Amino acid sequence: MDNLIRGSEGELFVHVDVSGLSAIAGSKLAASVGTGETVARTHGPTVVAGAIANTITRVVTVPFTASVAPERTNNLTIASTPVIGMIFIYVFSI
C-alpha cells in the first residue's frame, strides 16, 4: 500500500517480495533451593531460688531459601528479495 501512495506522488520506491518468514520463541526457567541447619547448645548449672539446677538448652535454626529466574527469547527473521525486471510494477504506479 505504501508503494502505491509513493508511486502516485511521484516518489521512488522499491518493491520487495517476502520469500521466507521464521519466528522462534524460547523459554528457560532456572530455580534454586537452599537449606541448612544451625545448632546452638548450652548447658551448665544455674542457681534457682537457692537450689542448684542443671539446665540444658538446644536451639536449632533451619533457614530456607528459594529463587526462580525466568528467561524468554524471541527471534523474528524476514527474508525478502527486491523485484527487478518486472517494469510493470513501477510503471503502473506512476
PDB file of N, CA and C in Angstrom:
ATOM      1  N   MET A   1       0.826  -1.195   0.000  1.00  0.00           N
ATOM      2  CA  MET A   1       0.000   0.000   0.000  1.00  0.00           C
ATOM      3  C   MET A   1       0.866   1.253   0.000  1.00  0.00           C
ATOM      4  N   ASP A   2       1.952   1.226   0.776  1.00  0.00           N
ATOM      5  CA  ASP A   2       2.850   2.375   0.797  1.00  0.00           C
ATOM      6  C   ASP A   2       3.460   2.638  -0.574  1.00  0.00           C
ATOM      7  N   ASN A   3       3.752   1.544  -1.313  1.00  0.00           N
ATOM      8  CA  ASN A   3       4.320   1.712  -2.641  1.00  0.00           C
ATOM      9  C   ASN A   3       3.344   2.426  -3.571  1.00  0.00           C
ATOM     10  N   LEU A   4       2.058   2.115  -3.483  1.00  0.00           N
ATOM     11  CA  LEU A   4       1.065   2.786  -4.330  1.00  0.00           C
ATOM     12  C   LEU A   4       0.969   4.262  -4.002  1.00  0.00           C
ATOM     13  N   ILE A   5       1.019   4.587  -2.737  1.00  0.00           N
ATOM     14  CA  ILE A   5       0.948   6.006  -2.333  1.00  0.00           C
ATOM     15  C   ILE A   5       2.186   6.741  -2.818  1.00  0.00           C
ATOM     16  N   ARG A   6       3.359   6.170  -2.604  1.00  0.00           N
ATOM     17  CA  ARG A   6       4.590   6.829  -3.050  1.00  0.00           C
ATOM     18  C   ARG A   6       4.628   6.963  -4.573  1.00  0.00           C
ATOM     19  N   GLY A   7       4.192   5.908  -5.280  1.00  0.00           N
ATOM     20  CA  GLY A   7       4.192   5.961  -6.742  1.00  0.00           C
ATOM     21  C   GLY A   7       3.242   7.015  -7.279  1.00  0.00           C
ATOM     22  N   SER A   8       2.077   7.161  -6.647  1.00  0.00           N
ATOM     23  CA  SER A   8       1.116   8.158  -7.131  1.00  0.00           C
ATOM     24  C   SER A   8       1.589   9.579  -6.855  1.00  0.00           C
ATOM     25  N   GLU A   9       2.474   9.744  -5.879  1.00  0.00           N
ATOM     26  CA  GLU A   9       3.017  11.072  -5.575  1.00  0.00           C
ATOM     27  C   GLU A   9       4.342  11.325  -6.287  1.00  0.00           C
ATOM     28  N   GLY A  10       4.763  10.402  -7.150  1.00  0.00           N
ATOM     29  CA  GLY A  10       5.983  10.575  -7.919  1.00  0.00           C
ATOM     30  C   GLY A  10       7.254  10.277  -7.137  1.00  0.00           C
ATOM     31  N   GLU A  11       7.141   9.671  -5.972  1.00  0.00           N
ATOM     32  CA  GLU A  11       8.323   9.327  -5.176  1.00  0.00           C
ATOM     33  C   GLU A  11       8.859   7.964  -5.600  1.00  0.00           C
ATOM     34  N   LEU A  12      10.141   7.765  -5.346  1.00  0.00           N
ATOM     35  CA  LEU A  12      10.768   6.493  -5.690  1.00  0.00           C
ATOM     36  C   LEU A  12      10.477   5.448  -4.617  1.00  0.00           C
ATOM     37  N   PHE A  13      10.414   4.189  -5.022  1.00  0.00           N
ATOM     38  CA  PHE A  13      10.224   3.093  -4.080  1.00  0.00           C
ATOM     39  C   PHE A  13      10.816   1.829  -4.668  1.00  0.00           C
ATOM     40  N   VAL A  14      11.031   0.848  -3.855  1.00  0.00           N
ATOM     41  CA  VAL A  14      11.495  -0.468  -4.287  1.00  0.00           C
ATOM     42  C   VAL A  14      10.489  -1.487  -3.775  1.00  0.00           C
ATOM     43  N   HIS A  15       9.993  -2.305  -4.669  1.00  0.00           N
ATOM     44  CA  HIS A  15       9.045  -3.347  -4.290  1.00  0.00           C
ATOM     45  C   HIS A  15       9.825  -4.611  -3.925  1.00  0.00           C
ATOM     46  N   VAL A  16       9.480  -5.221  -2.815  1.00  0.00           N
ATOM     47  CA  VAL A  16      10.147  -6.459  -2.394  1.00  0.00           C
ATOM     48  C   VAL A  16       9.104  -7.549  -2.183  1.00  0.00           C
ATOM     49  N   ASP A  17       9.486  -8.772  -2.504  1.00  0.00           N
ATOM     50  CA  ASP A  17       8.658  -9.942  -2.224  1.00  0.00           C
ATOM     51  C   ASP A  17       9.254 -10.666  -1.019  1.00  0.00           C
ATOM     52  N   VAL A  18       8.403 -11.022  -0.087  1.00  0.00           N
ATOM     53  CA  VAL A  18       8.847 -11.775   1.080  1.00  0.00           C
ATOM     54  C   VAL A  18       8.992 -13.231   0.655  1.00  0.00           C
ATOM     55  N   SER A  19      10.220 -13.756   0.791  1.00  0.00           N
ATOM     56  CA  SER A  19      10.468 -15.134   0.372  1.00  0.00           C
ATOM     57  C   SER A  19      10.524 -16.102   1.543  1.00  0.00           C
ATOM     58  N   GLY A  20      10.617 -15.597   2.736  1.00  0.00           N
ATOM     59  CA  GLY A  20      10.651 -16.501   3.889  1.00  0.00           C
ATOM     60  C   GLY A  20      10.383 -15.752   5.182  1.00  0.00           C
ATOM     61  N   LEU A  21       9.764 -16.449   6.109  1.00  0.00           N
ATOM     62  CA  LEU A  21       9.451 -15.868   7.412  1.00  0.00           C
ATOM     63  C   LEU A  21       9.679 -16.946   8.466  1.00  0.00           C
ATOM     64  N   SER A  22      10.437 -16.589   9.488  1.00  0.00           N
ATOM     65  CA  SER A  22      10.743 -17.553  10.547  1.00  0.00           C
ATOM     66  C   SER A  22      10.611 -16.867  11.893  1.00  0.00           C
ATOM     67  N   ALA A  23       9.885 -17.489  12.809  1.00  0.00           N
ATOM     68  CA  ALA A  23       9.725 -16.957  14.158  1.00  0.00           C
ATOM     69  C   ALA A  23      10.074 -18.054  15.160  1.00  0.00           C
ATOM     70  N   ILE A  24      10.935 -17.703  16.104  1.00  0.00           N
ATOM     71  CA  ILE A  24      11.357 -18.655  17.127  1.00  0.00           C
ATOM     72  C   ILE A  24      11.173 -18.005  18.495  1.00  0.00           C
ATOM     73  N   ALA A  25      10.502 -18.706  19.387  1.00  0.00           N
ATOM     74  CA  ALA A  25      10.327 -18.235  20.764  1.00  0.00           C
ATOM     75  C   ALA A  25      10.863 -19.315  21.697  1.00  0.00           C
ATOM     76  N   GLY A  26      11.637 -18.882  22.669  1.00  0.00           N
ATOM     77  CA  GLY A  26      12.204 -19.836  23.617  1.00  0.00           C
ATOM     78  C   GLY A  26      11.987 -19.379  25.046  1.00  0.00           C
ATOM     79  N   SER A  27      11.851 -20.336  25.924  1.00  0.00           N
ATOM     80  CA  SER A  27      11.667 -20.044  27.346  1.00  0.00           C
ATOM     81  C   SER A  27      12.622 -20.911  28.155  1.00  0.00           C
ATOM     82  N   LYS A  28      13.148 -20.320  29.223  1.00  0.00           N
ATOM     83  CA  LYS A  28      14.037 -21.050  30.108  1.00  0.00           C
ATOM     84  C   LYS A  28      13.708 -20.646  31.540  1.00  0.00           C
ATOM     85  N   LEU A  29      13.696 -21.619  32.411  1.00  0.00           N
ATOM     86  CA  LEU A  29      13.375 -21.356  33.811  1.00  0.00           C
ATOM     87  C   LEU A  29      14.436 -22.015  34.678  1.00  0.00           C
ATOM     88  N   ALA A  30      15.112 -21.207  35.475  1.00  0.00           N
ATOM     89  CA  ALA A  30      16.137 -21.725  36.384  1.00  0.00           C
ATOM     90  C   ALA A  30      15.674 -21.493  37.819  1.00  0.00           C
ATOM     91  N   ALA A  31      15.795 -22.516  38.632  1.00  0.00           N
ATOM     92  CA  ALA A  31      15.356 -22.413  40.021  1.00  0.00           C
ATOM     93  C   ALA A  31      16.433 -22.976  40.936  1.00  0.00           C
ATOM     94  N   SER A  32      16.484 -22.435  42.142  1.00  0.00           N
ATOM     95  CA  SER A  32      17.406 -22.976  43.132  1.00  0.00           C
ATOM     96  C   SER A  32      16.749 -22.951  44.501  1.00  0.00           C
ATOM     97  N   VAL A  33      17.101 -23.952  45.290  1.00  0.00           N
ATOM     98  CA  VAL A  33      16.561 -24.087  46.645  1.00  0.00           C
ATOM     99  C   VAL A  33      17.735 -24.339  47.575  1.00  0.00           C
ATOM    100  N   GLY A  34      17.742 -23.649  48.693  1.00  0.00           N
ATOM    101  CA  GLY A  34      18.813 -23.840  49.658  1.00  0.00           C
ATOM    102  C   GLY A  34      18.250 -24.019  51.058  1.00  0.00           C
ATOM    103  N   THR A  35      18.946 -24.815  51.826  1.00  0.00           N
ATOM    104  CA  THR A  35      18.537 -25.032  53.207  1.00  0.00           C
ATOM    105  C   THR A  35      19.785 -25.323  54.032  1.00  0.00           C
ATOM    106  N   GLY A  36      19.644 -25.279  55.290  1.00  0.00           N
ATOM    107  CA  GLY A  36      20.769 -25.544  56.174  1.00  0.00           C
ATOM    108  C   GLY A  36      20.274 -25.736  57.597  1.00  0.00           C
ATOM    109  N   GLU A  37      21.228 -25.900  58.510  1.00  0.00           N
ATOM    110  CA  GLU A  37      20.842 -26.090  59.898  1.00  0.00           C
ATOM    111  C   GLU A  37      21.934 -25.523  60.789  1.00  0.00           C
ATOM    112  N   THR A  38      21.512 -24.755  61.779  1.00  0.00           N
ATOM    113  CA  THR A  38      22.421 -24.204  62.770  1.00  0.00           C
ATOM    114  C   THR A  38      21.961 -24.682  64.137  1.00  0.00           C
ATOM    115  N   VAL A  39      22.876 -25.284  64.878  1.00  0.00           N
ATOM    116  CA  VAL A  39      22.543 -25.816  66.196  1.00  0.00           C
ATOM    117  C   VAL A  39      23.400 -25.099  67.242  1.00  0.00           C
ATOM    118  N   ALA A  40      22.762 -24.605  68.286  1.00  0.00           N
ATOM    119  CA  ALA A  40      23.468 -23.975  69.410  1.00  0.00           C
ATOM    120  C   ALA A  40      23.043 -24.685  70.693  1.00  0.00           C
ATOM    121  N   ARG A  41      24.031 -25.136  71.454  1.00  0.00           N
ATOM    122  CA  ARG A  41      23.729 -25.858  72.697  1.00  0.00           C
ATOM    123  C   ARG A  41      24.400 -25.144  73.865  1.00  0.00           C
ATOM    124  N   THR A  42      23.690 -25.047  74.943  1.00  0.00           N
ATOM    125  CA  THR A  42      24.269 -24.541  76.196  1.00  0.00           C
ATOM    126  C   THR A  42      23.835 -25.464  77.316  1.00  0.00           C
ATOM    127  N   HIS A  43      24.718 -25.690  78.218  1.00  0.00           N
ATOM    128  CA  HIS A  43      24.356 -26.488  79.387  1.00  0.00           C
ATOM    129  C   HIS A  43      25.264 -26.083  80.544  1.00  0.00           C
ATOM    130  N   GLY A  44      24.771 -26.277  81.711  1.00  0.00           N
ATOM    131  CA  GLY A  44      25.557 -25.962  82.893  1.00  0.00           C
ATOM    132  C   GLY A  44      24.651 -25.739  84.087  1.00  0.00           C
ATOM    133  N   PRO A  45      25.267 -25.639  85.240  1.00  0.00           N
ATOM    134  CA  PRO A  45      24.467 -25.431  86.446  1.00  0.00           C
ATOM    135  C   PRO A  45      24.009 -23.987  86.566  1.00  0.00           C
ATOM    136  N   THR A  46      22.790 -23.807  87.067  1.00  0.00           N
ATOM    137  CA  THR A  46      22.256 -22.489  87.371  1.00  0.00           C
ATOM    138  C   THR A  46      21.677 -22.513  88.775  1.00  0.00           C
ATOM    139  N   VAL A  47      21.666 -21.348  89.397  1.00  0.00           N
ATOM    140  CA  VAL A  47      21.118 -21.246  90.749  1.00  0.00           C
ATOM    141  C   VAL A  47      19.718 -20.678  90.642  1.00  0.00           C
ATOM    142  N   VAL A  48      18.740 -21.450  91.072  1.00  0.00           N
ATOM    143  CA  VAL A  48      17.350 -21.029  91.030  1.00  0.00           C
ATOM    144  C   VAL A  48      16.790 -21.153  92.443  1.00  0.00           C
ATOM    145  N   ALA A  49      16.391 -20.038  93.049  1.00  0.00           N
ATOM    146  CA  ALA A  49      15.771 -19.994  94.383  1.00  0.00           C
ATOM    147  C   ALA A  49      16.600 -20.743  95.425  1.00  0.00           C
ATOM    148  N   GLY A  50      17.898 -20.536  95.367  1.00  0.00           N
ATOM    149  CA  GLY A  50      18.775 -21.145  96.360  1.00  0.00           C
ATOM    150  C   GLY A  50      19.138 -22.569  96.087  1.00  0.00           C
ATOM    151  N   ALA A  51      18.614 -23.179  95.028  1.00  0.00           N
ATOM    152  CA  ALA A  51      18.938 -24.562  94.705  1.00  0.00           C
ATOM    153  C   ALA A  51      19.726 -24.588  93.394  1.00  0.00           C
ATOM    154  N   ILE A  52      20.573 -25.524  93.286  1.00  0.00           N
ATOM    155  CA  ILE A  52      21.361 -25.663  92.061  1.00  0.00           C
ATOM    156  C   ILE A  52      20.612 -26.621  91.131  1.00  0.00           C
ATOM    157  N   ALA A  53      20.387 -26.154  89.931  1.00  0.00           N
ATOM    158  CA  ALA A  53      19.705 -26.990  88.937  1.00  0.00           C
ATOM    159  C   ALA A  53      20.587 -27.057  87.700  1.00  0.00           C
ATOM    160  N   ASN A  54      20.579 -28.173  87.037  1.00  0.00           N
ATOM    161  CA  ASN A  54      21.334 -28.360  85.818  1.00  0.00           C
ATOM    162  C   ASN A  54      20.397 -28.098  84.637  1.00  0.00           C
ATOM    163  N   THR A  55      20.785 -27.212  83.739  1.00  0.00           N
ATOM    164  CA  THR A  55      19.929 -26.882  82.597  1.00  0.00           C
ATOM    165  C   THR A  55      20.654 -27.227  81.295  1.00  0.00           C
ATOM    166  N   ILE A  56      19.884 -27.660  80.373  1.00  0.00           N
ATOM    167  CA  ILE A  56      20.395 -27.930  79.022  1.00  0.00           C
ATOM    168  C   ILE A  56      19.468 -27.204  78.045  1.00  0.00           C
ATOM    169  N   THR A  57      20.072 -26.428  77.166  1.00  0.00           N
ATOM    170  CA  THR A  57      19.307 -25.684  76.172  1.00  0.00           C
ATOM    171  C   THR A  57      19.837 -26.037  74.788  1.00  0.00           C
ATOM    172  N   ARG A  58      18.932 -26.267  73.881  1.00  0.00           N
ATOM    173  CA  ARG A  58      19.305 -26.557  72.496  1.00  0.00           C
ATOM    174  C   ARG A  58      18.430 -25.718  71.578  1.00  0.00           C
ATOM    175  N   VAL A  59      19.065 -24.951  70.713  1.00  0.00           N
ATOM    176  CA  VAL A  59      18.348 -24.115  69.750  1.00  0.00           C
ATOM    177  C   VAL A  59      18.751 -24.570  68.352  1.00  0.00           C
ATOM    178  N   VAL A  60      17.756 -24.893  67.551  1.00  0.00           N
ATOM    179  CA  VAL A  60      18.001 -25.329  66.178  1.00  0.00           C
ATOM    180  C   VAL A  60      17.336 -24.324  65.244  1.00  0.00           C
ATOM    181  N   THR A  61      18.125 -23.797  64.310  1.00  0.00           N
ATOM    182  CA  THR A  61      17.613 -22.858  63.308  1.00  0.00           C
ATOM    183  C   THR A  61      17.769 -23.512  61.943  1.00  0.00           C
ATOM    184  N   VAL A  62      16.685 -23.548  61.177  1.00  0.00           N
ATOM    185  CA  VAL A  62      16.707 -24.147  59.836  1.00  0.00           C
ATOM    186  C   VAL A  62      16.262 -23.085  58.828  1.00  0.00           C
ATOM    187  N   PRO A  63      17.217 -22.383  58.189  1.00  0.00           N
ATOM    188  CA  PRO A  63      16.831 -21.403  57.166  1.00  0.00           C
ATOM    189  C   PRO A  63      16.469 -22.091  55.850  1.00  0.00           C
ATOM    190  N   PHE A  64      15.611 -21.456  55.100  1.00  0.00           N
ATOM    191  CA  PHE A  64      15.169 -21.998  53.820  1.00  0.00           C
ATOM    192  C   PHE A  64      15.132 -20.859  52.809  1.00  0.00           C
ATOM    193  N   THR A  65      15.773 -21.036  51.661  1.00  0.00           N
ATOM    194  CA  THR A  65      15.758 -20.013  50.607  1.00  0.00           C
ATOM    195  C   THR A  65      15.364 -20.659  49.282  1.00  0.00           C
ATOM    196  N   ALA A  66      14.680 -19.884  48.459  1.00  0.00           N
ATOM    197  CA  ALA A  66      14.290 -20.358  47.123  1.00  0.00           C
ATOM    198  C   ALA A  66      14.316 -19.171  46.163  1.00  0.00           C
ATOM    199  N   SER A  67      14.728 -19.429  44.932  1.00  0.00           N
ATOM    200  CA  SER A  67      14.717 -18.371  43.919  1.00  0.00           C
ATOM    201  C   SER A  67      14.369 -18.973  42.564  1.00  0.00           C
ATOM    202  N   VAL A  68      13.735 -18.160  41.726  1.00  0.00           N
ATOM    203  CA  VAL A  68      13.342 -18.567  40.379  1.00  0.00           C
ATOM    204  C   VAL A  68      13.764 -17.457  39.421  1.00  0.00           C
ATOM    205  N   ALA A  69      14.388 -17.825  38.304  1.00  0.00           N
ATOM    206  CA  ALA A  69      14.837 -16.850  37.308  1.00  0.00           C
ATOM    207  C   ALA A  69      14.293 -17.239  35.929  1.00  0.00           C
ATOM    208  N   PRO A  70      13.194 -16.608  35.486  1.00  0.00           N
ATOM    209  CA  PRO A  70      12.669 -16.916  34.151  1.00  0.00           C
ATOM    210  C   PRO A  70      13.407 -16.117  33.069  1.00  0.00           C
ATOM    211  N   GLU A  71      13.500 -16.698  31.877  1.00  0.00           N
ATOM    212  CA  GLU A  71      14.149 -16.029  30.748  1.00  0.00           C
ATOM    213  C   GLU A  71      13.382 -16.364  29.479  1.00  0.00           C
ATOM    214  N   ARG A  72      13.144 -15.353  28.641  1.00  0.00           N
ATOM    215  CA  ARG A  72      12.402 -15.567  27.397  1.00  0.00           C
ATOM    216  C   ARG A  72      13.150 -14.890  26.258  1.00  0.00           C
ATOM    217  N   THR A  73      13.222 -15.579  25.127  1.00  0.00           N
ATOM    218  CA  THR A  73      13.867 -15.018  23.942  1.00  0.00           C
ATOM    219  C   THR A  73      12.907 -15.114  22.753  1.00  0.00           C
ATOM    220  N   ASN A  74      12.920 -14.089  21.916  1.00  0.00           N
ATOM    221  CA  ASN A  74      12.102 -14.050  20.702  1.00  0.00           C
ATOM    222  C   ASN A  74      13.005 -13.670  19.530  1.00  0.00           C
ATOM    223  N   ASN A  75      12.830 -14.345  18.414  1.00  0.00           N
ATOM    224  CA  ASN A  75      13.620 -14.061  17.232  1.00  0.00           C
ATOM    225  C   ASN A  75      12.709 -14.131  16.008  1.00  0.00           C
ATOM    226  N   LEU A  76      12.706 -13.061  15.231  1.00  0.00           N
ATOM    227  CA  LEU A  76      11.894 -12.991  14.014  1.00  0.00           C
ATOM    228  C   LEU A  76      12.823 -12.691  12.844  1.00  0.00           C
ATOM    229  N   THR A  77      12.776 -13.536  11.812  1.00  0.00           N
ATOM    230  CA  THR A  77      13.606 -13.357  10.626  1.00  0.00           C
ATOM    231  C   THR A  77      12.698 -13.274   9.404  1.00  0.00           C
ATOM    232  N   ILE A  78      12.855 -12.187   8.639  1.00  0.00           N
ATOM    233  CA  ILE A  78      12.082 -11.999   7.405  1.00  0.00           C
ATOM    234  C   ILE A  78      13.076 -11.903   6.258  1.00  0.00           C
ATOM    235  N   ALA A  79      12.984 -12.813   5.299  1.00  0.00           N
ATOM    236  CA  ALA A  79      13.843 -12.791   4.116  1.00  0.00           C
ATOM    237  C   ALA A  79      13.041 -12.225   2.955  1.00  0.00           C
ATOM    238  N   SER A  80      13.593 -11.220   2.308  1.00  0.00           N
ATOM    239  CA  SER A  80      12.887 -10.600   1.180  1.00  0.00           C
ATOM    240  C   SER A  80      13.862 -10.336   0.045  1.00  0.00           C
ATOM    241  N   THR A  81      13.327 -10.291  -1.160  1.00  0.00           N
ATOM    242  CA  THR A  81      14.133 -10.015  -2.349  1.00  0.00           C
ATOM    243  C   THR A  81      13.487  -8.880  -3.130  1.00  0.00           C
ATOM    244  N   PRO A  82      14.297  -7.950  -3.631  1.00  0.00           N
ATOM    245  CA  PRO A  82      13.721  -6.866  -4.441  1.00  0.00           C
ATOM    246  C   PRO A  82      13.232  -7.401  -5.787  1.00  0.00           C
ATOM    247  N   VAL A  83      12.142  -6.842  -6.270  1.00  0.00           N
ATOM    248  CA  VAL A  83      11.582  -7.244  -7.561  1.00  0.00           C
ATOM    249  C   VAL A  83      12.274  -6.431  -8.647  1.00  0.00           C
ATOM    250  N   ILE A  84      13.047  -7.147  -9.467  1.00  0.00           N
ATOM    251  CA  ILE A  84      13.798  -6.495 -10.559  1.00  0.00           C
ATOM    252  C   ILE A  84      13.389  -7.181 -11.858  1.00  0.00           C
ATOM    253  N   GLY A  85      13.221  -6.410 -12.910  1.00  0.00           N
ATOM    254  CA  GLY A  85      12.888  -6.988 -14.203  1.00  0.00           C
ATOM    255  C   GLY A  85      11.404  -7.013 -14.494  1.00  0.00           C
ATOM    256  N   MET A  86      10.562  -6.634 -13.541  1.00  0.00           N
ATOM    257  CA  MET A  86       9.120  -6.551 -13.778  1.00  0.00           C
ATOM    258  C   MET A  86       8.747  -5.067 -13.787  1.00  0.00           C
ATOM    259  N   ILE A  87       9.000  -4.441 -14.904  1.00  0.00           N
ATOM    260  CA  ILE A  87       8.847  -2.988 -15.013  1.00  0.00           C
ATOM    261  C   ILE A  87       7.410  -2.528 -14.819  1.00  0.00           C
ATOM    262  N   PHE A  88       6.424  -3.415 -15.082  1.00  0.00           N
ATOM    263  CA  PHE A  88       5.018  -3.009 -14.955  1.00  0.00           C
ATOM    264  C   PHE A  88       4.666  -2.623 -13.512  1.00  0.00           C
ATOM    265  N   ILE A  89       5.392  -3.164 -12.548  1.00  0.00           N
ATOM    266  CA  ILE A  89       5.107  -2.798 -11.150  1.00  0.00           C
ATOM    267  C   ILE A  89       5.421  -1.324 -10.938  1.00  0.00           C
ATOM    268  N   TYR A  90       6.493  -0.868 -11.530  1.00  0.00           N
ATOM    269  CA  TYR A  90       6.931   0.505 -11.318  1.00  0.00           C
ATOM    270  C   TYR A  90       6.255   1.494 -12.281  1.00  0.00           C
ATOM    271  N   VAL A  91       5.960   1.080 -13.479  1.00  0.00           N
ATOM    272  CA  VAL A  91       5.339   1.966 -14.456  1.00  0.00           C
ATOM    273  C   VAL A  91       3.875   2.177 -14.138  1.00  0.00           C
ATOM    274  N   PHE A  92       3.187   1.148 -13.682  1.00  0.00           N
ATOM    275  CA  PHE A  92       1.759   1.225 -13.428  1.00  0.00           C
ATOM    276  C   PHE A  92       1.437   2.265 -12.339  1.00  0.00           C
ATOM    277  N   SER A  93       2.332   2.396 -11.360  1.00  0.00           N
ATOM    278  CA  SER A  93       2.019   3.276 -10.240  1.00  0.00           C
ATOM    279  C   SER A  93       2.350   4.732 -10.485  1.00  0.00           C
ATOM    280  N   ILE A  94       2.980   5.064 -11.616  1.00  0.00           N
ATOM    281  CA  ILE A  94       3.328   6.472 -11.882  1.00  0.00           C
ATOM    282  C   ILE A  94       2.152   7.226 -12.429  1.00  0.00           C
TER     283      ILE A  94
END
